[in-house]
Structures are given as C-alpha cells and as structure tokens.
C-alpha cells in the first residue's frame, strides 16, 4: 500500500472518529453534520 493512500485512509478514519465523538458529546444530529462537513473540508 502506498503512503499517499494510507495517509488518506488515516485522515478518513480520524474524520469519522471525530464526527462520532462530537455527535456523541453534543447528543445532536447537528454534531454529526458539522463534524462531517469539517472533516470533508479539511
């Protein structure tokens, strides 16, 4: 597996984990949406 693909996968996993954490702590659908958009933009 090449380094670029591996990095993209790690970023994707981190984004998903972050969105789940924010969604869990806010307890609101908006938390998932905001985190998802932020992860997508970043």
Protein backbone atom coordinates (compact mmCIF):
# COMPACT_ATOMS: atom_id res chain seq x y z
CA UNK A 1 0.00 0.00 0.00
CA UNK A 2 1.49 3.35 -0.95
CA UNK A 3 1.99 6.17 1.52
CA UNK A 4 -0.49 8.62 -0.04
CA UNK A 5 -3.36 6.15 0.03
CA UNK A 6 -2.52 5.12 3.57
CA UNK A 7 -2.50 8.76 4.70
CA UNK A 8 -5.89 9.39 3.09
CA UNK A 9 -7.33 6.34 4.84
CA UNK A 10 -5.94 7.52 8.18
CA UNK A 11 -7.41 11.01 7.65
CA UNK A 12 -10.77 9.47 6.73
CA UNK A 13 -10.79 7.25 9.83
CA UNK A 14 -9.79 10.20 12.02
CA UNK A 15 -12.59 12.29 10.50
CA UNK A 16 -15.17 9.59 11.13
CA UNK A 17 -13.97 9.09 14.71
CA UNK A 18 -14.03 12.85 15.32
CA UNK A 19 -17.55 13.19 13.94
CA UNK A 20 -18.74 10.30 16.12
CA UNK A 21 -17.15 11.86 19.21
CA UNK A 22 -18.63 15.30 18.55
CA UNK A 23 -22.02 13.77 17.75
CA UNK A 24 -21.87 11.73 20.95
CA UNK A 25 -20.92 14.68 23.16
CA UNK A 26 -23.44 17.08 21.64
CA UNK A 27 -26.10 14.37 21.54
CA UNK A 28 -27.47 16.06 18.45
CA UNK A 29 -27.68 15.27 14.74
CA UNK A 30 -26.14 18.69 14.04
CA UNK A 31 -22.96 17.50 15.75
CA UNK A 32 -22.61 14.70 13.19
CA UNK A 33 -23.34 17.03 10.28
CA UNK A 34 -20.97 19.81 11.39
CA UNK A 35 -18.15 17.39 12.14
CA UNK A 36 -18.75 15.55 8.88
CA UNK A 37 -18.55 18.77 6.88
CA UNK A 38 -15.46 19.90 8.78
CA UNK A 39 -13.75 16.56 8.17
CA UNK A 40 -14.71 16.72 4.48
CA UNK A 41 -13.39 20.29 4.09
CA UNK A 42 -10.16 19.52 5.93
